[in-house]
Amino acid sequence: NHQELFDTGAVAALLPLASSEDLETRRCVAFALNNIASNELNHRVCERMGVLRPLVRLLKDKDQDTHLQACFAVRQLSLTPKCRFQFVEMKGLNPLLQLAESESVEVRREVAAALRNLSLSEPNKISIVRSGGLEVLIRFAHSPDVEISHQACGVLANLAEALENQGPMVDSGLLQHLKFVLRAKSIDVQREAVRAIANLSAEYAHTAAIVAAGALEPLIPTLSSPDFLCQRYAAMGIGNLATNMANQEKILQGGALQPLISLAR
């Protein structure tokens, strides 16, 4: 029914109702916009109609059902580059990050997943760090919920791709947290944590600090991970760290040579 709802103006008529004083109305608007956003074919129309503006408003709603549905919609729309840009321009990051304090695991999962999609855009990588996202993501990375931890580590890995973020991320003590997370049993979590370290190590200025933080100890075993991408990111990280001659002896002492030879073969 989506196309007919757009053609008849029904979707446009919903948008102002996000400001309704009636809770049930706001809840239904959030539910409807989530359903609309779940179809990628609708995303360009949503861009033009400004659907993200009422969604940002609904993210601030105290009602859990309402802000959860809005979060679902933001996650879906953030698959589209222009929507990712619009969301940050409309000051959506702060209310999204505030939902990280929710007691609901489902809400926290959606916040982490939305941040993962938003962090695919280069300008957003910097905006997330400047908005205080690192603190939230570090806390999420330690979550006992594997999905939250996995998504958070994925966001951190994306943020570490931006050169402007790397210094603040290293200075924040992030490496100590990644070192801990690397010991997780989940391959999905390990993969993203390794990717974050590999991206941070791409900047020579941080190679000494990464090794000094003790990242080698948990990083080297991932060279032998059963997961191909873990192996790839670990090899990338070790390769970056090895560009610093002061690190080379420590890498060899840590036992990296044999798994590196195995990967080379």
Protein backbone atom coordinates (compact mmCIF):
# COMPACT_ATOMS: atom_id res chain seq x y z
CA ASN A 1 0.00 0.00 0.00
CA HIS A 2 2.99 2.33 0.28
CA GLN A 3 2.80 3.88 -3.16
CA GLU A 4 -0.90 4.63 -2.78
CA LEU A 5 -0.27 6.20 0.63
CA PHE A 6 2.31 8.51 -0.94
CA ASP A 7 0.14 9.29 -3.99
CA THR A 8 -2.91 10.22 -1.93
CA GLY A 9 -0.91 12.44 0.42
CA ALA A 10 -1.56 10.18 3.41
CA VAL A 11 2.12 9.99 4.40
CA ALA A 12 2.53 13.77 4.12
CA ALA A 13 -0.52 14.20 6.35
CA LEU A 14 1.10 12.05 9.04
CA LEU A 15 4.24 14.13 9.46
CA PRO A 16 2.79 17.08 11.45
CA LEU A 17 1.11 14.60 13.80
CA ALA A 18 4.52 13.70 15.22
CA SER A 19 4.01 16.81 17.37
CA SER A 20 0.58 15.73 18.59
CA GLU A 21 -0.13 16.05 22.31
CA ASP A 22 -1.78 12.63 22.17
CA LEU A 23 0.58 9.76 23.00
CA GLU A 24 -1.28 7.13 20.97
CA THR A 25 -1.19 9.39 17.90
CA ARG A 26 2.58 9.87 18.18
CA ARG A 27 3.05 6.15 18.71
CA CYS A 28 1.03 5.32 15.59
CA VAL A 29 2.93 7.90 13.51
CA ALA A 30 6.25 6.37 14.59
CA PHE A 31 4.95 2.89 13.75
CA ALA A 32 3.75 4.00 10.30
CA LEU A 33 7.00 5.81 9.45
CA ASN A 34 8.98 2.75 10.49
CA ASN A 35 6.94 0.62 8.08
CA ILE A 36 7.48 3.16 5.30
CA ALA A 37 11.24 3.33 6.01
CA SER A 38 11.59 -0.46 5.99
CA ASN A 39 11.17 -0.36 2.18
CA GLU A 40 14.33 1.01 0.53
CA LEU A 41 12.30 1.95 -2.55
CA ASN A 42 10.69 4.67 -0.40
CA HIS A 43 13.91 6.26 0.82
CA ARG A 44 14.31 8.86 -1.92
CA VAL A 45 10.73 10.01 -1.47
CA CYS A 46 11.33 10.20 2.29
CA GLU A 47 14.40 12.38 1.62
CA ARG A 48 12.35 14.86 -0.40
CA MET A 49 9.47 14.91 2.08
CA GLY A 50 11.69 15.54 5.08
CA VAL A 51 10.56 12.43 6.96
CA LEU A 52 13.65 12.56 9.18
CA ARG A 53 12.60 15.79 10.87
CA PRO A 54 9.55 14.29 12.63
CA LEU A 55 11.58 11.16 13.36
CA VAL A 56 14.16 13.23 15.24
CA ARG A 57 11.30 14.68 17.27
CA LEU A 58 9.91 11.20 17.96
CA LEU A 59 13.32 9.98 19.13
CA LYS A 60 12.97 12.43 22.02
CA ASP A 61 9.62 10.96 23.08
CA LYS A 62 9.58 9.49 26.60
CA ASP A 63 7.37 6.62 25.46
CA GLN A 64 9.54 3.57 24.74
CA ASP A 65 7.33 2.15 21.98
CA THR A 66 7.42 5.52 20.20
CA HIS A 67 11.16 6.16 20.34
CA LEU A 68 11.91 2.51 19.52
CA GLN A 69 9.84 2.68 16.33
CA ALA A 70 11.51 5.99 15.43
CA CYS A 71 14.91 4.40 16.01
CA PHE A 72 13.97 1.50 13.72
CA ALA A 73 13.06 4.00 11.01
CA VAL A 74 16.27 6.02 11.42
CA ARG A 75 18.35 2.85 11.15
CA GLN A 76 16.61 1.91 7.90
CA LEU A 77 16.77 5.38 6.33
CA SER A 78 20.46 5.68 7.28
CA LEU A 79 21.25 3.08 4.65
CA THR A 80 20.88 5.96 2.17
CA PRO A 81 23.78 8.47 1.99
CA LYS A 82 21.62 11.58 1.76
CA CYS A 83 19.46 10.48 4.70
CA ARG A 84 22.59 9.92 6.78
CA PHE A 85 23.62 13.49 6.02
CA GLN A 86 20.15 14.90 6.70
CA PHE A 87 19.87 13.18 10.06
CA VAL A 88 23.05 14.77 11.40
CA GLU A 89 22.15 18.15 9.88
CA MET A 90 18.83 18.00 11.72
CA LYS A 91 20.65 17.55 15.06
CA GLY A 92 19.55 13.95 15.37
CA LEU A 93 22.73 12.57 16.95
CA ASN A 94 22.13 13.93 20.46
CA PRO A 95 18.66 12.42 20.96
CA LEU A 96 19.88 9.16 19.43
CA LEU A 97 22.86 8.99 21.81
CA GLN A 98 20.60 9.81 24.76
CA LEU A 99 18.62 6.66 24.01
CA ALA A 100 21.80 4.70 24.80
CA GLU A 101 20.80 5.16 28.46
CA SER A 102 17.62 3.13 27.90
CA GLU A 103 17.08 0.08 30.10
CA SER A 104 15.68 -1.75 27.06
CA VAL A 105 18.14 -4.07 25.31
CA GLU A 106 16.11 -3.73 22.12
CA VAL A 107 16.40 0.07 22.16
CA ARG A 108 20.15 -0.12 22.77
CA ARG A 109 20.52 -2.60 19.91
CA GLU A 110 18.73 -0.24 17.55
CA VAL A 111 20.82 2.75 18.70
CA ALA A 112 24.01 0.80 18.00
CA ALA A 113 22.74 -0.38 14.61
CA ALA A 114 21.64 3.14 13.63
CA LEU A 115 25.05 4.53 14.58
CA ARG A 116 26.67 1.78 12.50
CA ASN A 117 24.77 2.92 9.40
CA LEU A 118 25.29 6.62 10.14
CA SER A 119 29.05 6.09 10.53
CA LEU A 120 29.36 4.96 6.92
CA SER A 121 29.45 8.63 5.84
CA GLU A 122 32.83 10.38 6.19
CA PRO A 123 31.52 13.65 7.74
CA ASN A 124 29.37 11.65 10.18
CA LYS A 125 32.42 9.79 11.49
CA ILE A 126 33.76 13.07 12.83
CA SER A 127 30.34 14.31 14.01
CA ILE A 128 29.75 11.17 16.10
CA VAL A 129 33.06 11.63 17.95
CA ARG A 130 32.45 15.36 18.47
CA SER A 131 28.97 14.63 19.83
CA GLY A 132 30.34 12.41 22.59
CA GLY A 133 29.66 9.14 20.83
CA LEU A 134 32.94 7.50 21.93
CA GLU A 135 31.83 7.18 25.54
CA VAL A 136 28.57 5.51 24.50
CA LEU A 137 30.29 3.16 22.06
CA ILE A 138 32.95 2.09 24.56
CA ARG A 139 30.23 1.23 27.04
CA PHE A 140 28.30 -0.64 24.36
CA ALA A 141 31.44 -2.57 23.34
CA HIS A 142 31.51 -4.11 26.83
CA SER A 143 27.83 -5.06 26.70
CA PRO A 144 27.01 -8.69 27.57
CA ASP A 145 24.60 -8.57 24.63
CA VAL A 146 26.63 -9.80 21.65
CA GLU A 147 24.63 -7.81 19.09
CA ILE A 148 25.17 -4.51 20.91
CA SER A 149 28.88 -5.23 21.37
CA HIS A 150 29.27 -6.29 17.73
CA GLN A 151 27.55 -3.20 16.34
CA ALA A 152 29.45 -0.86 18.68
CA CYS A 153 32.82 -2.31 17.67
CA GLY A 154 31.77 -1.94 14.03
CA VAL A 155 31.03 1.74 14.60
CA LEU A 156 34.40 2.22 16.34
CA ALA A 157 36.15 0.57 13.39
CA ASN A 158 34.34 2.93 11.00
CA LEU A 159 35.19 5.98 13.10
CA ALA A 160 38.86 4.95 13.15
CA GLU A 161 38.98 5.29 9.35
CA ALA A 162 38.87 9.10 9.73
CA LEU A 163 42.33 10.54 10.35
CA GLU A 164 40.85 13.38 12.41
CA ASN A 165 39.34 10.87 14.84
CA GLN A 166 42.40 8.71 15.40
CA GLY A 167 44.21 10.97 17.86
CA PRO A 168 41.17 11.52 20.10
CA MET A 169 40.35 7.81 19.97
CA VAL A 170 43.84 6.78 21.05
CA ASP A 171 43.96 9.52 23.71
CA SER A 172 40.59 8.38 25.12
CA GLY A 173 42.10 5.06 26.20
CA LEU A 174 40.07 3.17 23.61
CA LEU A 175 42.88 0.67 23.03
CA GLN A 176 42.57 -0.67 26.56
CA HIS A 177 38.91 -1.38 25.87
CA LEU A 178 39.56 -2.95 22.47
CA LYS A 179 42.22 -5.15 24.05
CA PHE A 180 39.61 -6.43 26.49
CA VAL A 181 36.93 -6.86 23.81
CA LEU A 182 39.34 -8.87 21.62
CA ARG A 183 39.12 -11.66 24.17
CA ALA A 184 35.39 -12.04 23.52
CA LYS A 185 34.18 -15.44 22.38
CA SER A 186 32.12 -13.95 19.57
CA ILE A 187 33.93 -13.97 16.22
CA ASP A 188 31.73 -11.09 15.05
CA VAL A 189 32.88 -8.92 17.96
CA GLN A 190 36.53 -9.93 17.51
CA ARG A 191 36.43 -9.12 13.80
CA GLU A 192 35.26 -5.55 14.33
CA ALA A 193 37.62 -4.94 17.27
CA VAL A 194 40.57 -6.11 15.14
CA ARG A 195 39.41 -3.88 12.28
CA ALA A 196 39.32 -0.91 14.65
CA ILE A 197 42.91 -1.53 15.76
CA ALA A 198 44.04 -2.05 12.16
CA ASN A 199 42.49 1.28 11.14
CA LEU A 200 44.03 3.14 14.09
CA SER A 201 47.44 1.65 13.32
CA ALA A 202 47.34 3.00 9.76
CA GLU A 203 48.64 6.31 11.13
CA TYR A 204 52.35 5.92 11.95
CA ALA A 205 52.13 8.43 14.81
CA HIS A 206 49.96 5.99 16.79
CA THR A 207 51.93 2.78 16.21
CA ALA A 208 54.07 3.14 19.35
CA ALA A 209 51.06 4.00 21.55
CA ILE A 210 49.09 0.99 20.29
CA VAL A 211 51.87 -1.43 21.18
CA ALA A 212 52.52 0.36 24.50
CA ALA A 213 48.84 -0.14 25.35
CA GLY A 214 49.36 -3.90 25.14
CA ALA A 215 47.30 -4.44 21.99
CA LEU A 216 49.77 -6.96 20.54
CA GLU A 217 49.02 -9.64 23.10
CA PRO A 218 45.37 -10.18 22.05
CA LEU A 219 45.94 -9.08 18.42
CA ILE A 220 48.53 -11.68 17.43
CA PRO A 221 46.30 -14.73 18.20
CA THR A 222 43.67 -13.40 15.78
CA LEU A 223 46.15 -14.06 12.96
CA SER A 224 45.16 -17.70 13.50
CA SER A 225 41.42 -17.01 13.78
CA PRO A 226 39.08 -19.41 11.93
CA ASP A 227 37.51 -16.29 10.42
CA PHE A 228 39.12 -15.09 7.17
CA LEU A 229 38.34 -11.42 7.79
CA CYS A 230 39.81 -11.58 11.31
CA GLN A 231 42.99 -12.91 9.75
CA ARG A 232 43.00 -10.17 7.12
CA TYR A 233 42.47 -7.30 9.57
CA ALA A 234 44.99 -8.75 12.02
CA ALA A 235 47.61 -9.03 9.27
CA MET A 236 46.84 -5.47 8.23
CA GLY A 237 47.23 -4.26 11.80
CA ILE A 238 50.48 -6.13 12.42
CA GLY A 239 51.79 -4.86 9.08
CA ASN A 240 51.01 -1.28 10.05
CA LEU A 241 52.57 -1.66 13.50
CA ALA A 242 55.69 -3.22 11.97
CA THR A 243 56.43 0.00 10.07
CA ASN A 244 57.69 1.32 13.39
CA MET A 245 61.10 -0.32 13.90
CA ALA A 246 60.77 -0.03 17.67
CA ASN A 247 57.78 -2.40 17.47
CA GLN A 248 59.41 -5.09 15.35
CA GLU A 249 61.20 -6.98 18.13
CA LYS A 250 58.03 -6.95 20.26
CA ILE A 251 56.02 -8.35 17.35
CA LEU A 252 58.50 -11.20 16.93
CA GLN A 253 58.65 -11.84 20.67
CA GLY A 254 54.86 -11.99 20.72
CA GLY A 255 54.93 -14.97 18.35
CA ALA A 256 53.61 -13.31 15.20
CA LEU A 257 56.16 -14.77 12.79
CA GLN A 258 54.79 -18.30 12.46
CA PRO A 259 51.13 -17.33 11.84
CA LEU A 260 52.29 -14.63 9.41
CA ILE A 261 54.29 -17.25 7.47
CA SER A 262 51.21 -19.49 7.44
CA LEU A 263 49.09 -16.64 6.05
CA ALA A 264 51.75 -15.82 3.46
CA ARG A 265 51.56 -19.40 2.23
